[in-house]
Amino acid sequence: MAAIAANIYYQVYYFATQVDFSAIVNPVGLIAINLFVSMFAGLLYSGLVYVFKSRGPIVFNFVYSIGSFACVIIPIAYTLPLTVEFPELFPGLTVPMVFFPVIAWMTVEPLFRE
């Protein structure tokens, strides 16, 4: 779900700005990073539920939210190649995408509770 949202946002952002960041961010990369983050989150969730029992989901949501906010620094600190036009628009594309996995998790997870 996060990968689909990221690709839709990527297309909308390109349509709105007409700035092409495909050399840095592309649909395959978006799918890969979202799958990796989501799989890691699933493993972390399982581990925290195992360790903290009934408090595991609460601890996980706290850790995942704080981790997402901490990861905002990654696209902000990324050094773009000198050939990229309008580098100031790059954070506008990538910073919201950092939150797509956590939003997808918190949207879908209640559907799978026991």
C-alpha atoms as a PDB file:
ATOM      1  CA  MET A   1       0.000   0.000   0.000  1.00  0.00           C
ATOM      2  CA  ALA A   2       2.852   2.394   0.820  1.00  0.00           C
ATOM      3  CA  ALA A   3       4.593   1.626  -2.478  1.00  0.00           C
ATOM      4  CA  ILE A   4       1.430   2.335  -4.438  1.00  0.00           C
ATOM      5  CA  ALA A   5       0.886   5.609  -2.563  1.00  0.00           C
ATOM      6  CA  ALA A   6       4.529   6.624  -3.143  1.00  0.00           C
ATOM      7  CA  ASN A   7       4.287   5.981  -6.875  1.00  0.00           C
ATOM      8  CA  ILE A   8       1.028   7.897  -7.146  1.00  0.00           C
ATOM      9  CA  TYR A   9       2.528  10.806  -5.208  1.00  0.00           C
ATOM     10  CA  TYR A  10       5.616  10.672  -7.441  1.00  0.00           C
ATOM     11  CA  GLN A  11       3.443  11.024 -10.543  1.00  0.00           C
ATOM     12  CA  VAL A  12       1.320  13.811  -9.041  1.00  0.00           C
ATOM     13  CA  TYR A  13       4.446  15.692  -7.924  1.00  0.00           C
ATOM     14  CA  TYR A  14       5.976  15.390 -11.393  1.00  0.00           C
ATOM     15  CA  PHE A  15       2.744  16.604 -12.995  1.00  0.00           C
ATOM     16  CA  ALA A  16       2.576  19.591 -10.618  1.00  0.00           C
ATOM     17  CA  THR A  17       6.218  20.671 -10.885  1.00  0.00           C
ATOM     18  CA  GLN A  18       7.440  19.185 -14.208  1.00  0.00           C
ATOM     19  CA  VAL A  19      10.763  18.473 -12.474  1.00  0.00           C
ATOM     20  CA  ASP A  20      12.258  15.070 -13.205  1.00  0.00           C
ATOM     21  CA  PHE A  21      14.102  13.358 -10.355  1.00  0.00           C
ATOM     22  CA  SER A  22      13.993   9.932 -12.038  1.00  0.00           C
ATOM     23  CA  ALA A  23      17.787   9.606 -11.895  1.00  0.00           C
ATOM     24  CA  ILE A  24      17.545   9.607  -8.102  1.00  0.00           C
ATOM     25  CA  VAL A  25      14.012   8.428  -7.307  1.00  0.00           C
ATOM     26  CA  ASN A  26      12.258   6.007  -9.632  1.00  0.00           C
ATOM     27  CA  PRO A  27       9.229   3.715  -9.366  1.00  0.00           C
ATOM     28  CA  VAL A  28      11.278   0.526  -8.937  1.00  0.00           C
ATOM     29  CA  GLY A  29      13.321   2.121  -6.176  1.00  0.00           C
ATOM     30  CA  LEU A  30      10.176   3.335  -4.457  1.00  0.00           C
ATOM     31  CA  ILE A  31       8.693  -0.143  -4.502  1.00  0.00           C
ATOM     32  CA  ALA A  32      11.925  -1.692  -3.223  1.00  0.00           C
ATOM     33  CA  ILE A  33      12.436   0.734  -0.344  1.00  0.00           C
ATOM     34  CA  ASN A  34       8.790   0.543   0.726  1.00  0.00           C
ATOM     35  CA  LEU A  35       8.837  -3.257   0.680  1.00  0.00           C
ATOM     36  CA  PHE A  36      12.078  -3.302   2.672  1.00  0.00           C
ATOM     37  CA  VAL A  37      10.779  -0.849   5.277  1.00  0.00           C
ATOM     38  CA  SER A  38       7.449  -2.682   5.536  1.00  0.00           C
ATOM     39  CA  MET A  39       9.100  -6.083   5.921  1.00  0.00           C
ATOM     40  CA  PHE A  40      11.459  -4.697   8.558  1.00  0.00           C
ATOM     41  CA  ALA A  41       8.492  -3.118  10.351  1.00  0.00           C
ATOM     42  CA  GLY A  42       6.679  -6.454  10.343  1.00  0.00           C
ATOM     43  CA  LEU A  43       9.666  -8.207  11.868  1.00  0.00           C
ATOM     44  CA  LEU A  44      10.097  -5.438  14.431  1.00  0.00           C
ATOM     45  CA  TYR A  45       6.396  -5.649  15.300  1.00  0.00           C
ATOM     46  CA  SER A  46       6.637  -9.413  15.815  1.00  0.00           C
ATOM     47  CA  GLY A  47       9.693  -9.013  17.998  1.00  0.00           C
ATOM     48  CA  LEU A  48       8.204  -6.268  20.131  1.00  0.00           C
ATOM     49  CA  VAL A  49       4.930  -8.166  20.583  1.00  0.00           C
ATOM     50  CA  TYR A  50       6.951 -11.223  21.626  1.00  0.00           C
ATOM     51  CA  VAL A  51       8.968  -9.212  24.156  1.00  0.00           C
ATOM     52  CA  PHE A  52       6.316  -6.816  25.483  1.00  0.00           C
ATOM     53  CA  LYS A  53       3.216  -9.040  25.010  1.00  0.00           C
ATOM     54  CA  SER A  54       0.057  -6.885  25.121  1.00  0.00           C
ATOM     55  CA  ARG A  55       2.043  -3.624  25.211  1.00  0.00           C
ATOM     56  CA  GLY A  56       3.973  -4.606  22.069  1.00  0.00           C
ATOM     57  CA  PRO A  57       1.715  -2.795  19.560  1.00  0.00           C
ATOM     58  CA  ILE A  58       1.897   0.412  21.595  1.00  0.00           C
ATOM     59  CA  VAL A  59       5.682   0.232  21.836  1.00  0.00           C
ATOM     60  CA  PHE A  60       5.901  -0.565  18.124  1.00  0.00           C
ATOM     61  CA  ASN A  61       3.698   2.382  17.092  1.00  0.00           C
ATOM     62  CA  PHE A  62       5.822   4.695  19.233  1.00  0.00           C
ATOM     63  CA  VAL A  63       9.120   3.359  17.837  1.00  0.00           C
ATOM     64  CA  TYR A  64       7.860   3.377  14.229  1.00  0.00           C
ATOM     65  CA  SER A  65       6.530   6.931  14.495  1.00  0.00           C
ATOM     66  CA  ILE A  66       9.678   8.304  16.121  1.00  0.00           C
ATOM     67  CA  GLY A  67      11.829   6.383  13.630  1.00  0.00           C
ATOM     68  CA  SER A  68       9.901   7.879  10.724  1.00  0.00           C
ATOM     69  CA  PHE A  69      10.382  11.396  12.046  1.00  0.00           C
ATOM     70  CA  ALA A  70      14.091  10.694  12.517  1.00  0.00           C
ATOM     71  CA  CYS A  71      14.372   9.428   8.919  1.00  0.00           C
ATOM     72  CA  VAL A  72      13.181  12.777   7.563  1.00  0.00           C
ATOM     73  CA  ILE A  73      16.806  13.897   7.781  1.00  0.00           C
ATOM     74  CA  ILE A  74      17.812  11.392   5.066  1.00  0.00           C
ATOM     75  CA  PRO A  75      16.204  13.162   2.078  1.00  0.00           C
ATOM     76  CA  ILE A  76      17.041  16.577   3.497  1.00  0.00           C
ATOM     77  CA  ALA A  77      20.726  15.738   3.901  1.00  0.00           C
ATOM     78  CA  TYR A  78      21.015  13.907   0.550  1.00  0.00           C
ATOM     79  CA  THR A  79      23.536  15.563  -1.775  1.00  0.00           C
ATOM     80  CA  LEU A  80      22.113  15.817  -5.273  1.00  0.00           C
ATOM     81  CA  PRO A  81      24.254  15.674  -8.425  1.00  0.00           C
ATOM     82  CA  LEU A  82      25.080  19.080  -9.890  1.00  0.00           C
ATOM     83  CA  THR A  83      23.154  18.215 -13.060  1.00  0.00           C
ATOM     84  CA  VAL A  84      19.795  18.145 -11.241  1.00  0.00           C
ATOM     85  CA  GLU A  85      17.565  21.101 -11.964  1.00  0.00           C
ATOM     86  CA  PHE A  86      15.618  22.685  -9.115  1.00  0.00           C
ATOM     87  CA  PRO A  87      17.263  20.767  -6.250  1.00  0.00           C
ATOM     88  CA  GLU A  88      15.203  22.773  -3.762  1.00  0.00           C
ATOM     89  CA  LEU A  89      12.122  20.791  -4.852  1.00  0.00           C
ATOM     90  CA  PHE A  90      13.660  17.411  -3.949  1.00  0.00           C
ATOM     91  CA  PRO A  91      12.659  17.487  -0.249  1.00  0.00           C
ATOM     92  CA  GLY A  92       9.085  18.309  -1.295  1.00  0.00           C
ATOM     93  CA  LEU A  93       9.031  15.036  -3.192  1.00  0.00           C
ATOM     94  CA  THR A  94      10.828  12.772  -0.761  1.00  0.00           C
ATOM     95  CA  VAL A  95      10.013  13.997   2.756  1.00  0.00           C
ATOM     96  CA  PRO A  96       6.291  13.099   2.578  1.00  0.00           C
ATOM     97  CA  MET A  97       7.230   9.676   1.199  1.00  0.00           C
ATOM     98  CA  VAL A  98       9.121   8.912   4.410  1.00  0.00           C
ATOM     99  CA  PHE A  99       5.785   8.746   6.215  1.00  0.00           C
ATOM    100  CA  PHE A 100       3.956   6.503   3.717  1.00  0.00           C
ATOM    101  CA  PRO A 101       5.024   3.171   5.308  1.00  0.00           C
ATOM    102  CA  VAL A 102       3.998   4.217   8.826  1.00  0.00           C
ATOM    103  CA  ILE A 103       0.691   5.639   7.571  1.00  0.00           C
ATOM    104  CA  ALA A 104       0.013   2.444   5.619  1.00  0.00           C
ATOM    105  CA  TRP A 105       0.859   0.317   8.671  1.00  0.00           C
ATOM    106  CA  MET A 106      -1.386   2.262  11.013  1.00  0.00           C
ATOM    107  CA  THR A 107      -4.190   2.137   8.445  1.00  0.00           C
ATOM    108  CA  VAL A 108      -4.026  -1.583   7.692  1.00  0.00           C
ATOM    109  CA  GLU A 109      -2.868  -3.071  11.008  1.00  0.00           C
ATOM    110  CA  PRO A 110      -6.226  -2.721  12.824  1.00  0.00           C
ATOM    111  CA  LEU A 111      -7.811  -4.913  10.141  1.00  0.00           C
ATOM    112  CA  PHE A 112      -5.594  -7.829  11.179  1.00  0.00           C
ATOM    113  CA  ARG A 113      -5.968  -7.670  14.951  1.00  0.00           C
ATOM    114  CA  GLU A 114      -7.114 -10.831  16.631  1.00  0.00           C
END
